[in-house]
Amino acid sequence: MRHITGWSVDAALEEYRGFAEPKVRDCDVQYIKEYQVSSLQGLFINKARQPYDAVLTGPRMTRMVVFTAMVMMIMLATAFFW
């Protein structure tokens, strides 16, 4: 996760070693060193390239809001009649 969010490999390894000591495994260190972030491009939004307003628009957001409202109504109705 640290690798994906822009941490250097050295910083990620330092954190790993801090939590894993005394059981640091060479296979874990090798995995962290060789992990390719490019396959997860766009997972995190770069605010410099895309304004926050652009994230909250579009049909996917509308569907999410409608779905959330329906779930909340069902939960409230269930709680009221229970």
PDB file of N, CA and C in Angstrom:
ATOM      1  N   MET A   1       0.825  -1.191   0.000  1.00  0.00           N
ATOM      2  CA  MET A   1       0.000   0.000   0.000  1.00  0.00           C
ATOM      3  C   MET A   1       0.869   1.254   0.000  1.00  0.00           C
ATOM      4  N   ARG A   2       1.932   1.227   0.769  1.00  0.00           N
ATOM      5  CA  ARG A   2       2.825   2.389   0.817  1.00  0.00           C
ATOM      6  C   ARG A   2       3.439   2.653  -0.547  1.00  0.00           C
ATOM      7  N   HIS A   3       3.770   1.611  -1.230  1.00  0.00           N
ATOM      8  CA  HIS A   3       4.371   1.721  -2.551  1.00  0.00           C
ATOM      9  C   HIS A   3       3.402   2.413  -3.514  1.00  0.00           C
ATOM     10  N   ILE A   4       2.142   2.062  -3.448  1.00  0.00           N
ATOM     11  CA  ILE A   4       1.127   2.609  -4.348  1.00  0.00           C
ATOM     12  C   ILE A   4       0.901   4.092  -4.086  1.00  0.00           C
ATOM     13  N   THR A   5       0.959   4.501  -2.811  1.00  0.00           N
ATOM     14  CA  THR A   5       0.673   5.897  -2.466  1.00  0.00           C
ATOM     15  C   THR A   5       1.863   6.818  -2.635  1.00  0.00           C
ATOM     16  N   GLY A   6       2.979   6.293  -3.162  1.00  0.00           N
ATOM     17  CA  GLY A   6       4.091   7.156  -3.497  1.00  0.00           C
ATOM     18  C   GLY A   6       5.288   7.086  -2.569  1.00  0.00           C
ATOM     19  N   TRP A   7       5.259   6.223  -1.574  1.00  0.00           N
ATOM     20  CA  TRP A   7       6.426   6.084  -0.700  1.00  0.00           C
ATOM     21  C   TRP A   7       7.574   5.496  -1.502  1.00  0.00           C
ATOM     22  N   SER A   8       8.784   5.837  -1.107  1.00  0.00           N
ATOM     23  CA  SER A   8       9.945   5.210  -1.735  1.00  0.00           C
ATOM     24  C   SER A   8      10.039   3.760  -1.261  1.00  0.00           C
ATOM     25  N   VAL A   9      10.734   2.959  -2.029  1.00  0.00           N
ATOM     26  CA  VAL A   9      10.909   1.554  -1.666  1.00  0.00           C
ATOM     27  C   VAL A   9      11.660   1.451  -0.331  1.00  0.00           C
ATOM     28  N   ASP A  10      12.653   2.311  -0.141  1.00  0.00           N
ATOM     29  CA  ASP A  10      13.420   2.279   1.110  1.00  0.00           C
ATOM     30  C   ASP A  10      12.547   2.594   2.318  1.00  0.00           C
ATOM     31  N   ALA A  11      11.659   3.583   2.184  1.00  0.00           N
ATOM     32  CA  ALA A  11      10.771   3.939   3.297  1.00  0.00           C
ATOM     33  C   ALA A  11       9.790   2.808   3.595  1.00  0.00           C
ATOM     34  N   ALA A  12       9.261   2.184   2.558  1.00  0.00           N
ATOM     35  CA  ALA A  12       8.333   1.068   2.755  1.00  0.00           C
ATOM     36  C   ALA A  12       9.043  -0.108   3.424  1.00  0.00           C
ATOM     37  N   LEU A  13      10.265  -0.381   3.001  1.00  0.00           N
ATOM     38  CA  LEU A  13      11.025  -1.473   3.619  1.00  0.00           C
ATOM     39  C   LEU A  13      11.366  -1.160   5.070  1.00  0.00           C
ATOM     40  N   GLU A  14      11.675   0.087   5.349  1.00  0.00           N
ATOM     41  CA  GLU A  14      11.976   0.474   6.733  1.00  0.00           C
ATOM     42  C   GLU A  14      10.756   0.251   7.628  1.00  0.00           C
ATOM     43  N   GLU A  15       9.580   0.637   7.137  1.00  0.00           N
ATOM     44  CA  GLU A  15       8.367   0.416   7.921  1.00  0.00           C
ATOM     45  C   GLU A  15       8.103  -1.081   8.104  1.00  0.00           C
ATOM     46  N   TYR A  16       8.277  -1.846   7.022  1.00  0.00           N
ATOM     47  CA  TYR A  16       8.075  -3.290   7.106  1.00  0.00           C
ATOM     48  C   TYR A  16       8.994  -3.903   8.162  1.00  0.00           C
ATOM     49  N   ARG A  17      10.249  -3.538   8.095  1.00  0.00           N
ATOM     50  CA  ARG A  17      11.216  -4.099   9.052  1.00  0.00           C
ATOM     51  C   ARG A  17      10.868  -3.693  10.482  1.00  0.00           C
ATOM     52  N   GLY A  18      10.374  -2.480  10.663  1.00  0.00           N
ATOM     53  CA  GLY A  18       9.984  -2.027  12.000  1.00  0.00           C
ATOM     54  C   GLY A  18       8.868  -2.866  12.597  1.00  0.00           C
ATOM     55  N   PHE A  19       7.942  -3.303  11.772  1.00  0.00           N
ATOM     56  CA  PHE A  19       6.831  -4.126  12.265  1.00  0.00           C
ATOM     57  C   PHE A  19       7.159  -5.613  12.268  1.00  0.00           C
ATOM     58  N   ALA A  20       8.039  -6.054  11.385  1.00  0.00           N
ATOM     59  CA  ALA A  20       8.289  -7.487  11.228  1.00  0.00           C
ATOM     60  C   ALA A  20       9.432  -8.013  12.098  1.00  0.00           C
ATOM     61  N   GLU A  21      10.291  -7.136  12.615  1.00  0.00           N
ATOM     62  CA  GLU A  21      11.411  -7.608  13.427  1.00  0.00           C
ATOM     63  C   GLU A  21      10.887  -8.445  14.577  1.00  0.00           C
ATOM     64  N   PRO A  22      11.487  -9.497  14.939  1.00  0.00           N
ATOM     65  CA  PRO A  22      12.709 -10.101  14.445  1.00  0.00           C
ATOM     66  C   PRO A  22      12.462 -11.136  13.347  1.00  0.00           C
ATOM     67  N   LYS A  23      11.295 -11.143  12.762  1.00  0.00           N
ATOM     68  CA  LYS A  23      10.955 -12.186  11.780  1.00  0.00           C
ATOM     69  C   LYS A  23      10.863 -11.636  10.360  1.00  0.00           C
ATOM     70  N   VAL A  24      11.805 -10.794   9.975  1.00  0.00           N
ATOM     71  CA  VAL A  24      11.830 -10.266   8.611  1.00  0.00           C
ATOM     72  C   VAL A  24      12.123 -11.419   7.659  1.00  0.00           C
ATOM     73  N   ARG A  25      11.276 -11.560   6.642  1.00  0.00           N
ATOM     74  CA  ARG A  25      11.476 -12.651   5.675  1.00  0.00           C
ATOM     75  C   ARG A  25      12.040 -12.083   4.382  1.00  0.00           C
ATOM     76  N   ASP A  26      13.047 -12.759   3.864  1.00  0.00           N
ATOM     77  CA  ASP A  26      13.689 -12.321   2.625  1.00  0.00           C
ATOM     78  C   ASP A  26      12.714 -12.279   1.461  1.00  0.00           C
ATOM     79  N   CYS A  27      11.767 -13.210   1.430  1.00  0.00           N
ATOM     80  CA  CYS A  27      10.799 -13.230   0.325  1.00  0.00           C
ATOM     81  C   CYS A  27       9.899 -11.989   0.371  1.00  0.00           C
ATOM     82  N   ASP A  28       9.565 -11.504   1.573  1.00  0.00           N
ATOM     83  CA  ASP A  28       8.762 -10.286   1.691  1.00  0.00           C
ATOM     84  C   ASP A  28       9.548  -9.063   1.218  1.00  0.00           C
ATOM     85  N   VAL A  29      10.807  -8.986   1.619  1.00  0.00           N
ATOM     86  CA  VAL A  29      11.665  -7.876   1.200  1.00  0.00           C
ATOM     87  C   VAL A  29      11.797  -7.871  -0.319  1.00  0.00           C
ATOM     88  N   GLN A  30      12.006  -9.013  -0.905  1.00  0.00           N
ATOM     89  CA  GLN A  30      12.137  -9.125  -2.355  1.00  0.00           C
ATOM     90  C   GLN A  30      10.841  -8.705  -3.051  1.00  0.00           C
ATOM     91  N   TYR A  31       9.705  -9.113  -2.513  1.00  0.00           N
ATOM     92  CA  TYR A  31       8.409  -8.748  -3.094  1.00  0.00           C
ATOM     93  C   TYR A  31       8.212  -7.233  -3.068  1.00  0.00           C
ATOM     94  N   ILE A  32       8.528  -6.607  -1.940  1.00  0.00           N
ATOM     95  CA  ILE A  32       8.375  -5.154  -1.822  1.00  0.00           C
ATOM     96  C   ILE A  32       9.292  -4.443  -2.817  1.00  0.00           C
ATOM     97  N   LYS A  33      10.510  -4.931  -2.964  1.00  0.00           N
ATOM     98  CA  LYS A  33      11.462  -4.308  -3.882  1.00  0.00           C
ATOM     99  C   LYS A  33      11.026  -4.428  -5.336  1.00  0.00           C
ATOM    100  N   GLU A  34      10.433  -5.546  -5.719  1.00  0.00           N
ATOM    101  CA  GLU A  34      10.117  -5.803  -7.126  1.00  0.00           C
ATOM    102  C   GLU A  34       8.678  -5.465  -7.516  1.00  0.00           C
ATOM    103  N   TYR A  35       7.862  -5.040  -6.576  1.00  0.00           N
ATOM    104  CA  TYR A  35       6.455  -4.767  -6.855  1.00  0.00           C
ATOM    105  C   TYR A  35       6.326  -3.667  -7.910  1.00  0.00           C
ATOM    106  N   GLN A  36       5.482  -3.883  -8.903  1.00  0.00           N
ATOM    107  CA  GLN A  36       5.267  -2.937  -9.990  1.00  0.00           C
ATOM    108  C   GLN A  36       3.978  -2.161  -9.762  1.00  0.00           C
ATOM    109  N   VAL A  37       4.090  -0.884  -9.523  1.00  0.00           N
ATOM    110  CA  VAL A  37       2.934  -0.039  -9.233  1.00  0.00           C
ATOM    111  C   VAL A  37       2.158   0.304 -10.502  1.00  0.00           C
ATOM    112  N   SER A  38       2.777   0.235 -11.644  1.00  0.00           N
ATOM    113  CA  SER A  38       2.154   0.672 -12.894  1.00  0.00           C
ATOM    114  C   SER A  38       0.828  -0.019 -13.186  1.00  0.00           C
ATOM    115  N   SER A  39       0.625  -1.234 -12.704  1.00  0.00           N
ATOM    116  CA  SER A  39      -0.628  -1.941 -12.965  1.00  0.00           C
ATOM    117  C   SER A  39      -1.795  -1.346 -12.185  1.00  0.00           C
ATOM    118  N   LEU A  40      -1.501  -0.486 -11.214  1.00  0.00           N
ATOM    119  CA  LEU A  40      -2.548   0.126 -10.405  1.00  0.00           C
ATOM    120  C   LEU A  40      -2.640   1.632 -10.639  1.00  0.00           C
ATOM    121  N   GLN A  41      -2.199   2.096 -11.798  1.00  0.00           N
ATOM    122  CA  GLN A  41      -2.262   3.515 -12.130  1.00  0.00           C
ATOM    123  C   GLN A  41      -3.705   3.994 -12.026  1.00  0.00           C
ATOM    124  N   GLY A  42      -3.900   5.160 -11.463  1.00  0.00           N
ATOM    125  CA  GLY A  42      -5.226   5.746 -11.363  1.00  0.00           C
ATOM    126  C   GLY A  42      -6.017   5.276 -10.160  1.00  0.00           C
ATOM    127  N   LEU A  43      -5.439   4.451  -9.315  1.00  0.00           N
ATOM    128  CA  LEU A  43      -6.160   3.983  -8.135  1.00  0.00           C
ATOM    129  C   LEU A  43      -6.413   5.133  -7.166  1.00  0.00           C
ATOM    130  N   PHE A  44      -5.441   6.012  -7.053  1.00  0.00           N
ATOM    131  CA  PHE A  44      -5.578   7.183  -6.210  1.00  0.00           C
ATOM    132  C   PHE A  44      -5.670   8.412  -7.101  1.00  0.00           C
ATOM    133  N   ILE A  45      -6.497   9.359  -6.725  1.00  0.00           N
ATOM    134  CA  ILE A  45      -6.727  10.550  -7.526  1.00  0.00           C
ATOM    135  C   ILE A  45      -5.658  11.581  -7.202  1.00  0.00           C
ATOM    136  N   ASN A  46      -5.034  12.099  -8.234  1.00  0.00           N
ATOM    137  CA  ASN A  46      -4.076  13.169  -8.065  1.00  0.00           C
ATOM    138  C   ASN A  46      -4.858  14.473  -8.100  1.00  0.00           C
ATOM    139  N   LYS A  47      -4.974  15.155  -6.965  1.00  0.00           N
ATOM    140  CA  LYS A  47      -5.789  16.364  -6.884  1.00  0.00           C
ATOM    141  C   LYS A  47      -5.261  17.480  -7.777  1.00  0.00           C
ATOM    142  N   ALA A  48      -3.990  17.450  -8.094  1.00  0.00           N
ATOM    143  CA  ALA A  48      -3.434  18.472  -8.968  1.00  0.00           C
ATOM    144  C   ALA A  48      -3.956  18.314 -10.391  1.00  0.00           C
ATOM    145  N   ARG A  49      -4.242  17.097 -10.807  1.00  0.00           N
ATOM    146  CA  ARG A  49      -4.716  16.852 -12.166  1.00  0.00           C
ATOM    147  C   ARG A  49      -6.232  16.835 -12.265  1.00  0.00           C
ATOM    148  N   GLN A  50      -6.920  16.470 -11.210  1.00  0.00           N
ATOM    149  CA  GLN A  50      -8.368  16.328 -11.287  1.00  0.00           C
ATOM    150  C   GLN A  50      -8.995  17.010 -10.076  1.00  0.00           C
ATOM    151  N   PRO A  51      -9.792  18.060 -10.296  1.00  0.00           N
ATOM    152  CA  PRO A  51     -10.411  18.743  -9.165  1.00  0.00           C
ATOM    153  C   PRO A  51     -11.415  17.845  -8.456  1.00  0.00           C
ATOM    154  N   TYR A  52     -11.622  18.130  -7.188  1.00  0.00           N
ATOM    155  CA  TYR A  52     -12.513  17.325  -6.356  1.00  0.00           C
ATOM    156  C   TYR A  52     -13.917  17.277  -6.927  1.00  0.00           C
ATOM    157  N   ASP A  53     -14.398  18.382  -7.490  1.00  0.00           N
ATOM    158  CA  ASP A  53     -15.754  18.419  -8.048  1.00  0.00           C
ATOM    159  C   ASP A  53     -15.947  17.394  -9.148  1.00  0.00           C
ATOM    160  N   ALA A  54     -14.916  17.128  -9.925  1.00  0.00           N
ATOM    161  CA  ALA A  54     -15.035  16.181 -11.027  1.00  0.00           C
ATOM    162  C   ALA A  54     -15.246  14.765 -10.524  1.00  0.00           C
ATOM    163  N   VAL A  55     -14.769  14.475  -9.329  1.00  0.00           N
ATOM    164  CA  VAL A  55     -14.930  13.134  -8.763  1.00  0.00           C
ATOM    165  C   VAL A  55     -16.372  12.893  -8.356  1.00  0.00           C
ATOM    166  N   LEU A  56     -17.071  13.925  -7.929  1.00  0.00           N
ATOM    167  CA  LEU A  56     -18.422  13.783  -7.406  1.00  0.00           C
ATOM    168  C   LEU A  56     -19.509  14.002  -8.451  1.00  0.00           C
ATOM    169  N   THR A  57     -19.189  13.870  -9.707  1.00  0.00           N
ATOM    170  CA  THR A  57     -20.195  14.055 -10.751  1.00  0.00           C
ATOM    171  C   THR A  57     -20.302  12.794 -11.596  1.00  0.00           C
ATOM    172  N   GLY A  58     -21.329  12.764 -12.395  1.00  0.00           N
ATOM    173  CA  GLY A  58     -21.479  11.667 -13.337  1.00  0.00           C
ATOM    174  C   GLY A  58     -22.510  10.650 -12.903  1.00  0.00           C
ATOM    175  N   PRO A  59     -22.836   9.742 -13.818  1.00  0.00           N
ATOM    176  CA  PRO A  59     -23.887   8.761 -13.572  1.00  0.00           C
ATOM    177  C   PRO A  59     -23.547   7.756 -12.469  1.00  0.00           C
ATOM    178  N   ARG A  60     -22.276   7.426 -12.298  1.00  0.00           N
ATOM    179  CA  ARG A  60     -21.923   6.473 -11.238  1.00  0.00           C
ATOM    180  C   ARG A  60     -22.223   7.058  -9.865  1.00  0.00           C
ATOM    181  N   MET A  61     -21.936   8.342  -9.688  1.00  0.00           N
ATOM    182  CA  MET A  61     -22.212   8.997  -8.418  1.00  0.00           C
ATOM    183  C   MET A  61     -23.719   9.056  -8.175  1.00  0.00           C
ATOM    184  N   THR A  62     -24.476   9.354  -9.215  1.00  0.00           N
ATOM    185  CA  THR A  62     -25.931   9.413  -9.086  1.00  0.00           C
ATOM    186  C   THR A  62     -26.483   8.057  -8.657  1.00  0.00           C
ATOM    187  N   ARG A  63     -26.018   6.995  -9.295  1.00  0.00           N
ATOM    188  CA  ARG A  63     -26.472   5.645  -8.925  1.00  0.00           C
ATOM    189  C   ARG A  63     -26.101   5.320  -7.487  1.00  0.00           C
ATOM    190  N   MET A  64     -24.900   5.727  -7.068  1.00  0.00           N
ATOM    191  CA  MET A  64     -24.469   5.447  -5.710  1.00  0.00           C
ATOM    192  C   MET A  64     -25.345   6.180  -4.692  1.00  0.00           C
ATOM    193  N   VAL A  65     -25.677   7.432  -4.970  1.00  0.00           N
ATOM    194  CA  VAL A  65     -26.516   8.208  -4.052  1.00  0.00           C
ATOM    195  C   VAL A  65     -27.913   7.608  -3.976  1.00  0.00           C
ATOM    196  N   VAL A  66     -28.490   7.242  -5.112  1.00  0.00           N
ATOM    197  CA  VAL A  66     -29.831   6.646  -5.130  1.00  0.00           C
ATOM    198  C   VAL A  66     -29.827   5.313  -4.385  1.00  0.00           C
ATOM    199  N   PHE A  67     -28.830   4.485  -4.642  1.00  0.00           N
ATOM    200  CA  PHE A  67     -28.738   3.199  -3.963  1.00  0.00           C
ATOM    201  C   PHE A  67     -28.601   3.379  -2.457  1.00  0.00           C
ATOM    202  N   THR A  68     -27.754   4.313  -2.039  1.00  0.00           N
ATOM    203  CA  THR A  68     -27.563   4.567  -0.612  1.00  0.00           C
ATOM    204  C   THR A  68     -28.860   5.051   0.025  1.00  0.00           C
ATOM    205  N   ALA A  69     -29.587   5.924  -0.653  1.00  0.00           N
ATOM    206  CA  ALA A  69     -30.857   6.415  -0.126  1.00  0.00           C
ATOM    207  C   ALA A  69     -31.865   5.282   0.018  1.00  0.00           C
ATOM    208  N   MET A  70     -31.910   4.387  -0.956  1.00  0.00           N
ATOM    209  CA  MET A  70     -32.835   3.254  -0.874  1.00  0.00           C
ATOM    210  C   MET A  70     -32.489   2.344   0.299  1.00  0.00           C
ATOM    211  N   VAL A  71     -31.222   2.075   0.481  1.00  0.00           N
ATOM    212  CA  VAL A  71     -30.793   1.223   1.593  1.00  0.00           C
ATOM    213  C   VAL A  71     -31.152   1.876   2.919  1.00  0.00           C
ATOM    214  N   MET A  72     -30.916   3.178   3.036  1.00  0.00           N
ATOM    215  CA  MET A  72     -31.250   3.890   4.278  1.00  0.00           C
ATOM    216  C   MET A  72     -32.758   3.852   4.550  1.00  0.00           C
ATOM    217  N   MET A  73     -33.577   4.004   3.494  1.00  0.00           N
ATOM    218  CA  MET A  73     -35.022   3.962   3.677  1.00  0.00           C
ATOM    219  C   MET A  73     -35.468   2.578   4.141  1.00  0.00           C
ATOM    220  N   ILE A  74     -34.893   1.541   3.577  1.00  0.00           N
ATOM    221  CA  ILE A  74     -35.233   0.176   3.985  1.00  0.00           C
ATOM    222  C   ILE A  74     -34.832  -0.058   5.433  1.00  0.00           C
ATOM    223  N   MET A  75     -33.649   0.405   5.798  1.00  0.00           N
ATOM    224  CA  MET A  75     -33.188   0.220   7.182  1.00  0.00           C
ATOM    225  C   MET A  75     -34.083   0.970   8.169  1.00  0.00           C
ATOM    226  N   LEU A  76     -34.463   2.193   7.824  1.00  0.00           N
ATOM    227  CA  LEU A  76     -35.329   2.969   8.708  1.00  0.00           C
ATOM    228  C   LEU A  76     -36.716   2.345   8.810  1.00  0.00           C
ATOM    229  N   ALA A  77     -37.258   1.881   7.687  1.00  0.00           N
ATOM    230  CA  ALA A  77     -38.573   1.257   7.705  1.00  0.00           C
ATOM    231  C   ALA A  77     -38.559  -0.020   8.530  1.00  0.00           C
ATOM    232  N   THR A  78     -37.492  -0.777   8.392  1.00  0.00           N
ATOM    233  CA  THR A  78     -37.367  -2.008   9.163  1.00  0.00           C
ATOM    234  C   THR A  78     -37.271  -1.713  10.654  1.00  0.00           C
ATOM    235  N   ALA A  79     -36.505  -0.709  11.014  1.00  0.00           N
ATOM    236  CA  ALA A  79     -36.342  -0.346  12.422  1.00  0.00           C
ATOM    237  C   ALA A  79     -37.649   0.207  12.991  1.00  0.00           C
ATOM    238  N   PHE A  80     -38.396   0.956  12.191  1.00  0.00           N
ATOM    239  CA  PHE A  80     -39.642   1.558  12.653  1.00  0.00           C
ATOM    240  C   PHE A  80     -40.720   0.506  12.909  1.00  0.00           C
ATOM    241  N   PHE A  81     -40.820  -0.491  12.028  1.00  0.00           N
ATOM    242  CA  PHE A  81     -41.867  -1.492  12.159  1.00  0.00           C
ATOM    243  C   PHE A  81     -41.465  -2.684  13.006  1.00  0.00           C
ATOM    244  N   TRP A  82     -40.221  -2.781  13.352  1.00  0.00           N
ATOM    245  CA  TRP A  82     -39.754  -3.926  14.132  1.00  0.00           C
ATOM    246  C   TRP A  82     -40.172  -3.750  15.513  1.00  0.00           C
TER     247      TRP A  82
END
